[in-house]
Amino acid sequence: MSSHTEQDQLSQQILDTASGLYLKYGLKKVTMDDISKAVGKSRTSIYYYYKNREEVFQAVLENLIKEVISEIDSKMKKKRTFEGKIQEFCLAKVKTSEERSSFFRAIEAGMDHEEKSKHITDAHNRMMEAERNLLLNLFSTGITKGSIPEVAIEEQETIIFILQSSIRGIRREMSLKNNFESLNNTVNTLTSMVIKHIS
């Protein structure tokens, strides 16, 4: 049992170390040698967990997505109402995106258009899918408990797409202006629009 825990810890240590190196040097400049030296383990030990740089990077991304979704979910669970949970989703989405923007800028450094398209688009799609599942679950629970009216699955998908796209655009515009003062009011208006639409 303890050996499994040690293996899990080393695997996590590799990913945490790789994340730090990506942030410092960018994805393209980080080698398996760099990771093994920074972890303080042989390359063989690293290769036991991950076959190559791409596997490490994909695992780092997967870890990041799970971390972000867990954080958003945790914030949503603190609210009791459907409306409150939607508001919290939007606020937490902006907060987690801002907190991790430097990481994504770092991994993009030195990438050509094709590489950006491959890595960043893939990460974006995986994040969108994880958020979508979170919100679909929220709708399902709300309908089952009777806290919101029946909403057809196609309609749920449309609302979720609008929510995700809107909050991404809102974050980007506020980030460009470096001014998030109106975030709460904006999120409240967006949430009210959703509630009115399904009522």
N, C-alpha and C. Protein backbone atom coordinates (compact mmCIF):
# COMPACT_ATOMS: atom_id res chain seq x y z
N MET A 1 0.83 -1.21 0.00
CA MET A 1 0.00 0.00 0.00
C MET A 1 0.87 1.26 0.00
N SER A 2 1.91 1.26 0.85
CA SER A 2 2.77 2.43 0.96
C SER A 2 3.52 2.67 -0.34
N SER A 3 3.92 1.56 -1.05
CA SER A 3 4.66 1.73 -2.31
C SER A 3 3.78 2.41 -3.36
N HIS A 4 2.47 2.08 -3.34
CA HIS A 4 1.54 2.74 -4.26
C HIS A 4 1.48 4.23 -3.97
N THR A 5 1.45 4.56 -2.67
CA THR A 5 1.41 5.96 -2.26
C THR A 5 2.67 6.67 -2.69
N GLU A 6 3.81 6.01 -2.52
CA GLU A 6 5.10 6.60 -2.93
C GLU A 6 5.13 6.81 -4.43
N GLN A 7 4.60 5.84 -5.19
CA GLN A 7 4.55 5.97 -6.65
C GLN A 7 3.67 7.14 -7.05
N ASP A 8 2.51 7.25 -6.40
CA ASP A 8 1.60 8.37 -6.68
C ASP A 8 2.27 9.70 -6.37
N GLN A 9 2.99 9.73 -5.25
CA GLN A 9 3.67 10.96 -4.84
C GLN A 9 4.75 11.35 -5.84
N LEU A 10 5.51 10.36 -6.32
CA LEU A 10 6.57 10.65 -7.28
C LEU A 10 5.98 11.11 -8.61
N SER A 11 4.90 10.44 -9.03
CA SER A 11 4.22 10.83 -10.26
C SER A 11 3.75 12.28 -10.17
N GLN A 12 3.16 12.63 -9.02
CA GLN A 12 2.69 14.00 -8.81
C GLN A 12 3.85 14.98 -8.74
N GLN A 13 4.93 14.54 -8.11
CA GLN A 13 6.13 15.39 -8.01
C GLN A 13 6.69 15.71 -9.40
N ILE A 14 6.68 14.71 -10.27
CA ILE A 14 7.15 14.90 -11.65
C ILE A 14 6.30 15.97 -12.35
N LEU A 15 4.98 15.85 -12.19
CA LEU A 15 4.07 16.80 -12.84
C LEU A 15 4.20 18.21 -12.27
N ASP A 16 4.33 18.30 -10.94
CA ASP A 16 4.50 19.62 -10.29
C ASP A 16 5.81 20.27 -10.75
N THR A 17 6.86 19.46 -10.82
CA THR A 17 8.17 19.96 -11.25
C THR A 17 8.11 20.41 -12.70
N ALA A 18 7.51 19.59 -13.55
CA ALA A 18 7.39 19.93 -14.97
C ALA A 18 6.60 21.24 -15.14
N SER A 19 5.52 21.40 -14.37
CA SER A 19 4.72 22.63 -14.42
C SER A 19 5.57 23.85 -14.11
N GLY A 20 6.38 23.72 -13.06
CA GLY A 20 7.27 24.82 -12.66
C GLY A 20 8.28 25.15 -13.73
N LEU A 21 8.82 24.12 -14.37
CA LEU A 21 9.81 24.32 -15.45
C LEU A 21 9.16 24.96 -16.68
N TYR A 22 7.95 24.52 -17.01
CA TYR A 22 7.23 25.12 -18.15
C TYR A 22 7.01 26.61 -17.90
N LEU A 23 6.63 26.93 -16.66
CA LEU A 23 6.34 28.31 -16.29
C LEU A 23 7.59 29.18 -16.41
N LYS A 24 8.73 28.57 -16.08
CA LYS A 24 10.00 29.31 -16.08
C LYS A 24 10.63 29.42 -17.46
N TYR A 25 10.60 28.30 -18.22
CA TYR A 25 11.34 28.27 -19.48
C TYR A 25 10.48 28.12 -20.73
N GLY A 26 9.20 27.79 -20.56
CA GLY A 26 8.36 27.51 -21.72
C GLY A 26 8.41 26.02 -22.05
N LEU A 27 7.38 25.54 -22.68
CA LEU A 27 7.25 24.11 -22.96
C LEU A 27 8.39 23.57 -23.83
N LYS A 28 8.73 24.29 -24.89
CA LYS A 28 9.67 23.77 -25.89
C LYS A 28 11.08 23.56 -25.35
N LYS A 29 11.45 24.36 -24.34
CA LYS A 29 12.83 24.30 -23.85
C LYS A 29 13.04 23.26 -22.75
N VAL A 30 11.96 22.66 -22.28
CA VAL A 30 12.07 21.70 -21.17
C VAL A 30 12.21 20.28 -21.71
N THR A 31 13.30 19.61 -21.30
CA THR A 31 13.56 18.24 -21.74
C THR A 31 13.30 17.26 -20.60
N MET A 32 13.29 15.99 -20.94
CA MET A 32 13.15 14.95 -19.90
C MET A 32 14.35 15.00 -18.94
N ASP A 33 15.52 15.35 -19.46
CA ASP A 33 16.72 15.52 -18.63
C ASP A 33 16.50 16.61 -17.58
N ASP A 34 15.94 17.73 -18.04
CA ASP A 34 15.68 18.86 -17.13
C ASP A 34 14.75 18.42 -16.00
N ILE A 35 13.71 17.68 -16.38
CA ILE A 35 12.71 17.23 -15.38
C ILE A 35 13.35 16.28 -14.39
N SER A 36 14.14 15.31 -14.89
CA SER A 36 14.77 14.32 -13.99
C SER A 36 15.75 14.99 -13.03
N LYS A 37 16.51 15.98 -13.54
CA LYS A 37 17.46 16.70 -12.67
C LYS A 37 16.72 17.50 -11.60
N ALA A 38 15.65 18.17 -12.02
CA ALA A 38 14.90 19.00 -11.08
C ALA A 38 14.19 18.15 -10.02
N VAL A 39 13.73 16.98 -10.41
CA VAL A 39 13.07 16.07 -9.46
C VAL A 39 14.09 15.39 -8.55
N GLY A 40 15.33 15.24 -9.08
CA GLY A 40 16.37 14.56 -8.32
C GLY A 40 16.30 13.05 -8.47
N LYS A 41 15.75 12.60 -9.60
CA LYS A 41 15.64 11.16 -9.89
C LYS A 41 16.27 10.89 -11.26
N SER A 42 16.62 9.63 -11.49
CA SER A 42 17.21 9.26 -12.77
C SER A 42 16.18 9.36 -13.89
N ARG A 43 16.68 9.46 -15.12
CA ARG A 43 15.77 9.50 -16.27
C ARG A 43 14.95 8.22 -16.35
N THR A 44 15.54 7.11 -15.95
CA THR A 44 14.84 5.82 -15.94
C THR A 44 13.60 5.89 -15.05
N SER A 45 13.75 6.53 -13.89
CA SER A 45 12.62 6.68 -12.97
C SER A 45 11.50 7.49 -13.61
N ILE A 46 11.89 8.55 -14.33
CA ILE A 46 10.89 9.40 -14.99
C ILE A 46 10.19 8.61 -16.10
N TYR A 47 10.98 7.86 -16.88
CA TYR A 47 10.43 7.09 -18.00
C TYR A 47 9.52 5.95 -17.53
N TYR A 48 9.66 5.55 -16.28
CA TYR A 48 8.78 4.52 -15.72
C TYR A 48 7.33 5.02 -15.72
N TYR A 49 7.18 6.33 -15.47
CA TYR A 49 5.84 6.94 -15.39
C TYR A 49 5.39 7.53 -16.73
N TYR A 50 6.32 8.14 -17.44
CA TYR A 50 5.97 8.84 -18.69
C TYR A 50 6.99 8.52 -19.78
N LYS A 51 6.48 8.10 -20.93
CA LYS A 51 7.36 7.63 -22.01
C LYS A 51 8.16 8.74 -22.67
N ASN A 52 7.59 9.94 -22.70
CA ASN A 52 8.26 11.05 -23.38
C ASN A 52 7.74 12.40 -22.89
N ARG A 53 8.28 13.47 -23.45
CA ARG A 53 7.89 14.84 -23.06
C ARG A 53 6.41 15.09 -23.28
N GLU A 54 5.90 14.58 -24.39
CA GLU A 54 4.48 14.80 -24.73
C GLU A 54 3.56 14.19 -23.67
N GLU A 55 3.93 12.99 -23.20
CA GLU A 55 3.12 12.33 -22.15
C GLU A 55 3.13 13.14 -20.86
N VAL A 56 4.28 13.69 -20.52
CA VAL A 56 4.39 14.52 -19.31
C VAL A 56 3.49 15.74 -19.47
N PHE A 57 3.60 16.39 -20.62
CA PHE A 57 2.82 17.60 -20.85
C PHE A 57 1.32 17.32 -20.80
N GLN A 58 0.89 16.24 -21.45
CA GLN A 58 -0.53 15.88 -21.45
C GLN A 58 -1.02 15.59 -20.02
N ALA A 59 -0.18 14.94 -19.23
CA ALA A 59 -0.54 14.64 -17.84
C ALA A 59 -0.62 15.92 -17.01
N VAL A 60 0.29 16.87 -17.28
CA VAL A 60 0.25 18.16 -16.60
C VAL A 60 -1.05 18.88 -16.93
N LEU A 61 -1.43 18.86 -18.20
CA LEU A 61 -2.68 19.49 -18.62
C LEU A 61 -3.89 18.84 -17.95
N GLU A 62 -3.89 17.51 -17.94
CA GLU A 62 -5.01 16.77 -17.33
C GLU A 62 -5.13 17.12 -15.85
N ASN A 63 -3.98 17.20 -15.20
CA ASN A 63 -3.91 17.57 -13.78
C ASN A 63 -4.49 18.97 -13.55
N LEU A 64 -4.09 19.89 -14.42
CA LEU A 64 -4.52 21.28 -14.34
C LEU A 64 -6.04 21.38 -14.50
N ILE A 65 -6.57 20.66 -15.48
CA ILE A 65 -8.02 20.68 -15.74
C ILE A 65 -8.78 20.14 -14.53
N LYS A 66 -8.32 19.01 -13.98
CA LYS A 66 -8.97 18.42 -12.80
C LYS A 66 -8.94 19.39 -11.62
N GLU A 67 -7.80 20.05 -11.46
CA GLU A 67 -7.61 21.02 -10.37
C GLU A 67 -8.60 22.19 -10.51
N VAL A 68 -8.70 22.73 -11.73
CA VAL A 68 -9.58 23.87 -12.00
C VAL A 68 -11.04 23.47 -11.78
N ILE A 69 -11.44 22.33 -12.33
CA ILE A 69 -12.83 21.87 -12.22
C ILE A 69 -13.18 21.60 -10.76
N SER A 70 -12.26 21.02 -10.02
CA SER A 70 -12.47 20.75 -8.59
C SER A 70 -12.68 22.07 -7.83
N GLU A 71 -11.88 23.07 -8.19
CA GLU A 71 -11.98 24.38 -7.54
C GLU A 71 -13.33 25.04 -7.85
N ILE A 72 -13.74 24.99 -9.12
CA ILE A 72 -15.03 25.58 -9.53
C ILE A 72 -16.18 24.84 -8.84
N ASP A 73 -16.11 23.52 -8.85
CA ASP A 73 -17.15 22.68 -8.24
C ASP A 73 -17.28 22.97 -6.74
N SER A 74 -16.14 23.12 -6.09
CA SER A 74 -16.11 23.41 -4.65
C SER A 74 -16.80 24.74 -4.35
N LYS A 75 -16.55 25.75 -5.19
CA LYS A 75 -17.19 27.07 -5.02
C LYS A 75 -18.70 26.96 -5.24
N MET A 76 -19.09 26.21 -6.27
CA MET A 76 -20.51 26.05 -6.58
C MET A 76 -21.26 25.36 -5.46
N LYS A 77 -20.62 24.38 -4.82
CA LYS A 77 -21.27 23.61 -3.75
C LYS A 77 -21.57 24.46 -2.52
N LYS A 78 -20.89 25.59 -2.40
CA LYS A 78 -21.12 26.47 -1.25
C LYS A 78 -22.42 27.25 -1.38
N LYS A 79 -22.98 27.28 -2.58
CA LYS A 79 -24.24 27.98 -2.82
C LYS A 79 -25.39 26.99 -2.83
N ARG A 80 -26.54 27.41 -2.34
CA ARG A 80 -27.68 26.50 -2.20
C ARG A 80 -28.60 26.51 -3.42
N THR A 81 -28.73 27.67 -4.06
CA THR A 81 -29.70 27.79 -5.16
C THR A 81 -29.05 27.55 -6.51
N PHE A 82 -29.87 27.21 -7.50
CA PHE A 82 -29.41 27.04 -8.87
C PHE A 82 -28.78 28.34 -9.37
N GLU A 83 -29.46 29.44 -9.10
CA GLU A 83 -28.96 30.76 -9.53
C GLU A 83 -27.60 31.06 -8.89
N GLY A 84 -27.50 30.80 -7.59
CA GLY A 84 -26.24 31.03 -6.88
C GLY A 84 -25.11 30.19 -7.43
N LYS A 85 -25.42 28.96 -7.80
CA LYS A 85 -24.40 28.06 -8.35
C LYS A 85 -23.92 28.52 -9.73
N ILE A 86 -24.86 29.03 -10.54
CA ILE A 86 -24.49 29.55 -11.86
C ILE A 86 -23.58 30.78 -11.69
N GLN A 87 -23.95 31.67 -10.77
CA GLN A 87 -23.13 32.85 -10.50
C GLN A 87 -21.73 32.44 -10.07
N GLU A 88 -21.68 31.46 -9.17
CA GLU A 88 -20.39 31.02 -8.64
C GLU A 88 -19.55 30.36 -9.73
N PHE A 89 -20.21 29.61 -10.61
CA PHE A 89 -19.49 29.01 -11.74
C PHE A 89 -18.78 30.11 -12.55
N CYS A 90 -19.53 31.16 -12.88
CA CYS A 90 -18.99 32.25 -13.71
C CYS A 90 -17.83 32.97 -13.00
N LEU A 91 -18.02 33.29 -11.73
CA LEU A 91 -16.98 34.00 -10.97
C LEU A 91 -15.73 33.14 -10.81
N ALA A 92 -15.94 31.86 -10.47
CA ALA A 92 -14.80 30.95 -10.28
C ALA A 92 -14.08 30.70 -11.59
N LYS A 93 -14.83 30.66 -12.69
CA LYS A 93 -14.24 30.45 -14.02
C LYS A 93 -13.27 31.59 -14.35
N VAL A 94 -13.71 32.82 -14.08
CA VAL A 94 -12.85 33.99 -14.33
C VAL A 94 -11.62 33.94 -13.43
N LYS A 95 -11.84 33.66 -12.15
CA LYS A 95 -10.74 33.64 -11.17
C LYS A 95 -9.69 32.58 -11.53
N THR A 96 -10.14 31.36 -11.83
CA THR A 96 -9.19 30.28 -12.12
C THR A 96 -8.45 30.54 -13.43
N SER A 97 -9.15 31.13 -14.41
CA SER A 97 -8.51 31.44 -15.69
C SER A 97 -7.43 32.50 -15.52
N GLU A 98 -7.74 33.53 -14.75
CA GLU A 98 -6.77 34.60 -14.51
C GLU A 98 -5.55 34.07 -13.76
N GLU A 99 -5.81 33.25 -12.74
CA GLU A 99 -4.71 32.71 -11.93
C GLU A 99 -3.75 31.85 -12.74
N ARG A 100 -4.27 31.21 -13.77
CA ARG A 100 -3.42 30.29 -14.55
C ARG A 100 -3.01 30.83 -15.92
N SER A 101 -3.33 32.09 -16.17
CA SER A 101 -3.02 32.67 -17.49
C SER A 101 -1.51 32.73 -17.75
N SER A 102 -0.72 32.97 -16.69
CA SER A 102 0.74 33.04 -16.87
C SER A 102 1.30 31.68 -17.28
N PHE A 103 0.70 30.61 -16.77
CA PHE A 103 1.14 29.26 -17.15
C PHE A 103 0.91 29.02 -18.64
N PHE A 104 -0.28 29.39 -19.12
CA PHE A 104 -0.58 29.18 -20.54
C PHE A 104 0.26 30.08 -21.43
N ARG A 105 0.54 31.30 -20.99
CA ARG A 105 1.43 32.18 -21.77
C ARG A 105 2.82 31.57 -21.86
N ALA A 106 3.27 30.97 -20.76
CA ALA A 106 4.61 30.37 -20.73
C ALA A 106 4.71 29.17 -21.65
N ILE A 107 3.69 28.31 -21.65
CA ILE A 107 3.79 27.12 -22.50
C ILE A 107 3.63 27.46 -23.98
N GLU A 108 3.01 28.61 -24.26
CA GLU A 108 2.88 29.05 -25.66
C GLU A 108 4.18 29.64 -26.20
N ALA A 109 5.06 30.07 -25.28
CA ALA A 109 6.30 30.73 -25.70
C ALA A 109 7.11 29.84 -26.64
N GLY A 110 7.43 30.38 -27.78
CA GLY A 110 8.26 29.64 -28.75
C GLY A 110 7.49 28.67 -29.62
N MET A 111 6.19 28.52 -29.39
CA MET A 111 5.40 27.60 -30.23
C MET A 111 5.05 28.26 -31.55
N ASP A 112 5.06 27.47 -32.63
CA ASP A 112 4.56 28.01 -33.89
C ASP A 112 3.04 27.82 -33.92
N HIS A 113 2.41 28.31 -34.99
CA HIS A 113 0.94 28.31 -35.08
C HIS A 113 0.37 26.89 -34.97
N GLU A 114 1.02 25.94 -35.63
CA GLU A 114 0.55 24.55 -35.63
C GLU A 114 0.60 23.95 -34.23
N GLU A 115 1.71 24.21 -33.53
CA GLU A 115 1.87 23.68 -32.16
C GLU A 115 0.86 24.32 -31.21
N LYS A 116 0.65 25.62 -31.35
CA LYS A 116 -0.34 26.31 -30.52
C LYS A 116 -1.71 25.72 -30.75
N SER A 117 -2.01 25.52 -32.02
CA SER A 117 -3.32 24.96 -32.37
C SER A 117 -3.49 23.58 -31.75
N LYS A 118 -2.45 22.77 -31.82
CA LYS A 118 -2.50 21.41 -31.30
C LYS A 118 -2.65 21.39 -29.77
N HIS A 119 -1.76 22.09 -29.09
CA HIS A 119 -1.72 22.02 -27.63
C HIS A 119 -2.77 22.88 -26.94
N ILE A 120 -2.85 24.14 -27.34
CA ILE A 120 -3.75 25.07 -26.65
C ILE A 120 -5.21 24.77 -26.97
N THR A 121 -5.48 24.46 -28.25
CA THR A 121 -6.86 24.13 -28.62
C THR A 121 -7.30 22.86 -27.92
N ASP A 122 -6.40 21.89 -27.83
CA ASP A 122 -6.73 20.63 -27.14
C ASP A 122 -7.04 20.89 -25.67
N ALA A 123 -6.21 21.70 -25.02
CA ALA A 123 -6.43 22.03 -23.60
C ALA A 123 -7.76 22.76 -23.43
N HIS A 124 -8.02 23.69 -24.32
CA HIS A 124 -9.27 24.46 -24.27
C HIS A 124 -10.48 23.55 -24.42
N ASN A 125 -10.42 22.65 -25.40
CA ASN A 125 -11.55 21.73 -25.64
C ASN A 125 -11.80 20.81 -24.45
N ARG A 126 -10.72 20.34 -23.84
CA ARG A 126 -10.86 19.46 -22.68
C ARG A 126 -11.46 20.20 -21.49
N MET A 127 -11.04 21.45 -21.31
CA MET A 127 -11.58 22.27 -20.22
C MET A 127 -13.07 22.55 -20.46
N MET A 128 -13.41 22.90 -21.69
CA MET A 128 -14.82 23.19 -22.04
C MET A 128 -15.70 21.97 -21.78
N GLU A 129 -15.19 20.80 -22.13
CA GLU A 129 -15.96 19.56 -21.94
C GLU A 129 -16.17 19.27 -20.45
N ALA A 130 -15.12 19.48 -19.65
CA ALA A 130 -15.22 19.25 -18.20
C ALA A 130 -16.22 20.23 -17.57
N GLU A 131 -16.17 21.49 -18.00
CA GLU A 131 -17.12 22.50 -17.50
C GLU A 131 -18.55 22.14 -17.92
N ARG A 132 -18.68 21.73 -19.17
CA ARG A 132 -19.99 21.34 -19.70
C ARG A 132 -20.61 20.24 -18.85
N ASN A 133 -19.82 19.23 -18.51
CA ASN A 133 -20.33 18.12 -17.68
C ASN A 133 -20.75 18.61 -16.29
N LEU A 134 -19.99 19.55 -15.75
CA LEU A 134 -20.31 20.13 -14.45
C LEU A 134 -21.67 20.83 -14.50
N LEU A 135 -21.89 21.61 -15.57
CA LEU A 135 -23.13 22.36 -15.70
C LEU A 135 -24.32 21.45 -16.07
N LEU A 136 -24.07 20.42 -16.87
CA LEU A 136 -25.13 19.46 -17.18
C LEU A 136 -25.61 18.77 -15.91
N ASN A 137 -24.66 18.45 -15.04
CA ASN A 137 -24.99 17.83 -13.76
C ASN A 137 -25.81 18.79 -12.89
N LEU A 138 -25.46 20.07 -12.93
CA LEU A 138 -26.20 21.09 -12.19
C LEU A 138 -27.65 21.17 -12.68
N PHE A 139 -27.84 21.18 -14.00
CA PHE A 139 -29.20 21.21 -14.57
C PHE A 139 -29.98 19.96 -14.16
N SER A 140 -29.33 18.80 -14.28
CA SER A 140 -29.98 17.53 -13.95
C SER A 140 -30.44 17.51 -12.50
N THR A 141 -29.58 17.95 -11.60
CA THR A 141 -29.91 17.99 -10.17
C THR A 141 -31.04 18.98 -9.91
N GLY A 142 -30.96 20.15 -10.54
CA GLY A 142 -31.99 21.18 -10.37
C GLY A 142 -33.36 20.72 -10.82
N ILE A 143 -33.39 20.01 -11.96
CA ILE A 143 -34.66 19.50 -12.50
C ILE A 143 -35.21 18.40 -11.60
N THR A 144 -34.34 17.49 -11.18
CA THR A 144 -34.75 16.37 -10.31
C THR A 144 -35.32 16.87 -8.99
N LYS A 145 -34.67 17.90 -8.43
CA LYS A 145 -35.13 18.44 -7.14
C LYS A 145 -36.32 19.39 -7.28
N GLY A 146 -36.62 19.77 -8.52
CA GLY A 146 -37.74 20.68 -8.76
C GLY A 146 -37.42 22.14 -8.51
N SER A 147 -36.12 22.45 -8.39
CA SER A 147 -35.75 23.85 -8.14
C SER A 147 -35.75 24.68 -9.42
N ILE A 148 -35.72 24.00 -10.58
CA ILE A 148 -35.89 24.69 -11.87
C ILE A 148 -36.87 23.87 -12.72
N PRO A 149 -37.52 24.51 -13.70
CA PRO A 149 -38.45 23.77 -14.56
C PRO A 149 -37.72 22.76 -15.45
N GLU A 150 -38.46 21.87 -16.06
CA GLU A 150 -37.90 20.94 -17.05
C GLU A 150 -37.26 21.74 -18.18
N VAL A 151 -36.04 21.38 -18.52
CA VAL A 151 -35.36 22.02 -19.65
C VAL A 151 -34.83 20.90 -20.54
N ALA A 152 -35.23 20.93 -21.82
CA ALA A 152 -34.79 19.89 -22.76
C ALA A 152 -33.26 19.88 -22.84
N ILE A 153 -32.69 18.72 -23.05
CA ILE A 153 -31.23 18.57 -23.06
C ILE A 153 -30.58 19.46 -24.13
N GLU A 154 -31.26 19.59 -25.29
CA GLU A 154 -30.72 20.45 -26.36
C GLU A 154 -30.65 21.90 -25.88
N GLU A 155 -31.68 22.30 -25.13
CA GLU A 155 -31.73 23.66 -24.59
C GLU A 155 -30.65 23.86 -23.53
N GLN A 156 -30.45 22.84 -22.71
CA GLN A 156 -29.38 22.91 -21.70
C GLN A 156 -28.03 23.12 -22.38
N GLU A 157 -27.79 22.35 -23.44
CA GLU A 157 -26.52 22.45 -24.18
C GLU A 157 -26.33 23.86 -24.73
N THR A 158 -27.41 24.44 -25.26
CA THR A 158 -27.34 25.80 -25.82
C THR A 158 -27.02 26.82 -24.73
N ILE A 159 -27.73 26.71 -23.61
CA ILE A 159 -27.51 27.64 -22.49
C ILE A 159 -26.07 27.52 -21.98
N ILE A 160 -25.60 26.30 -21.84
CA ILE A 160 -24.23 26.06 -21.36
C ILE A 160 -23.20 26.65 -22.31
N PHE A 161 -23.42 26.47 -23.61
CA PHE A 161 -22.50 27.03 -24.61
C PHE A 161 -22.47 28.56 -24.51
N ILE A 162 -23.66 29.17 -24.38
CA ILE A 162 -23.74 30.64 -24.27
C ILE A 162 -23.04 31.11 -23.00
N LEU A 163 -23.28 30.40 -21.89
CA LEU A 163 -22.62 30.75 -20.61
C LEU A 163 -21.10 30.69 -20.74
N GLN A 164 -20.60 29.57 -21.26
CA GLN A 164 -19.15 29.39 -21.37
C GLN A 164 -18.53 30.43 -22.29
N SER A 165 -19.16 30.66 -23.43
CA SER A 165 -18.63 31.62 -24.40
C SER A 165 -18.68 33.04 -23.84
N SER A 166 -19.79 33.37 -23.18
CA SER A 166 -19.95 34.72 -22.62
C SER A 166 -18.92 35.01 -21.55
N ILE A 167 -18.75 34.07 -20.63
CA ILE A 167 -17.84 34.33 -19.51
C ILE A 167 -16.39 34.37 -20.00
N ARG A 168 -16.09 33.62 -21.06
CA ARG A 168 -14.75 33.67 -21.63
C ARG A 168 -14.50 35.05 -22.26
N GLY A 169 -15.50 35.55 -22.98
CA GLY A 169 -15.39 36.88 -23.59
C GLY A 169 -15.31 37.98 -22.55
N ILE A 170 -16.11 37.87 -21.50
CA ILE A 170 -16.11 38.86 -20.42
C ILE A 170 -14.73 38.91 -19.75
N ARG A 171 -14.20 37.72 -19.44
CA ARG A 171 -12.87 37.67 -18.81
C ARG A 171 -11.80 38.30 -19.69
N ARG A 172 -11.85 37.97 -20.99
CA ARG A 172 -10.83 38.48 -21.92
C ARG A 172 -10.88 40.01 -22.00
N GLU A 173 -12.09 40.57 -22.11
CA GLU A 173 -12.24 42.03 -22.22
C GLU A 173 -11.78 42.72 -20.93
N MET A 174 -12.18 42.17 -19.80
CA MET A 174 -11.80 42.77 -18.51
C MET A 174 -10.30 42.64 -18.28
N SER A 175 -9.74 41.53 -18.73
CA SER A 175 -8.31 41.29 -18.58
C SER A 175 -7.51 42.28 -19.43
N LEU A 176 -7.98 42.53 -20.65
CA LEU A 176 -7.31 43.49 -21.54
C LEU A 176 -7.30 44.89 -20.93
N LYS A 177 -8.40 45.23 -20.28
CA LYS A 177 -8.50 46.55 -19.62
C LYS A 177 -7.90 46.54 -18.22
N ASN A 178 -7.56 45.32 -17.74
CA ASN A 178 -7.04 45.14 -16.39
C ASN A 178 -7.97 45.77 -15.35
N ASN A 179 -9.27 45.52 -15.54
CA ASN A 179 -10.28 46.09 -14.65
C ASN A 179 -11.44 45.11 -14.49
N PHE A 180 -11.55 44.55 -13.28
CA PHE A 180 -12.58 43.55 -13.00
C PHE A 180 -13.65 44.09 -12.03
N GLU A 181 -13.70 45.41 -11.88
CA GLU A 181 -14.62 46.03 -10.91
C GLU A 181 -16.09 45.68 -11.17
N SER A 182 -16.45 45.59 -12.46
CA SER A 182 -17.86 45.34 -12.79
C SER A 182 -18.18 43.85 -12.96
N LEU A 183 -17.24 42.99 -12.56
CA LEU A 183 -17.43 41.55 -12.78
C LEU A 183 -18.69 41.02 -12.09
N ASN A 184 -18.87 41.34 -10.82
CA ASN A 184 -20.04 40.83 -10.08
C ASN A 184 -21.35 41.24 -10.73
N ASN A 185 -21.47 42.53 -11.09
CA ASN A 185 -22.69 43.03 -11.72
C ASN A 185 -22.92 42.35 -13.08
N THR A 186 -21.84 42.16 -13.81
CA THR A 186 -21.94 41.54 -15.14
C THR A 186 -22.40 40.09 -15.00
N VAL A 187 -21.81 39.39 -14.05
CA VAL A 187 -22.18 37.98 -13.82
C VAL A 187 -23.63 37.89 -13.34
N ASN A 188 -24.04 38.81 -12.47
CA ASN A 188 -25.43 38.81 -11.99
C ASN A 188 -26.42 39.00 -13.14
N THR A 189 -26.07 39.89 -14.07
CA THR A 189 -26.94 40.13 -15.24
C THR A 189 -27.00 38.90 -16.13
N LEU A 190 -25.84 38.29 -16.38
CA LEU A 190 -25.78 37.08 -17.21
C LEU A 190 -26.61 35.96 -16.57
N THR A 191 -26.45 35.79 -15.27
CA THR A 191 -27.20 34.75 -14.55
C THR A 191 -28.70 35.01 -14.61
N SER A 192 -29.10 36.27 -14.42
CA SER A 192 -30.53 36.64 -14.47
C SER A 192 -31.13 36.30 -15.84
N MET A 193 -30.34 36.52 -16.88
CA MET A 193 -30.80 36.21 -18.23
C MET A 193 -31.08 34.72 -18.38
N VAL A 194 -30.20 33.91 -17.80
CA VAL A 194 -30.38 32.44 -17.84
C VAL A 194 -31.64 32.04 -17.08
N ILE A 195 -31.79 32.58 -15.87
CA ILE A 195 -32.94 32.25 -15.02
C ILE A 195 -34.25 32.66 -15.70
N LYS A 196 -34.29 33.87 -16.27
CA LYS A 196 -35.49 34.34 -16.97
C LYS A 196 -35.81 33.45 -18.16
N HIS A 197 -34.78 33.02 -18.85
CA HIS A 197 -34.97 32.19 -20.04
C HIS A 197 -35.61 30.84 -19.71
N ILE A 198 -35.19 30.26 -18.60
CA ILE A 198 -35.71 28.91 -18.27
C ILE A 198 -36.98 28.96 -17.41
N SER A 199 -37.34 30.14 -16.91
CA SER A 199 -38.53 30.24 -16.04
C SER A 199 -39.82 30.21 -16.84
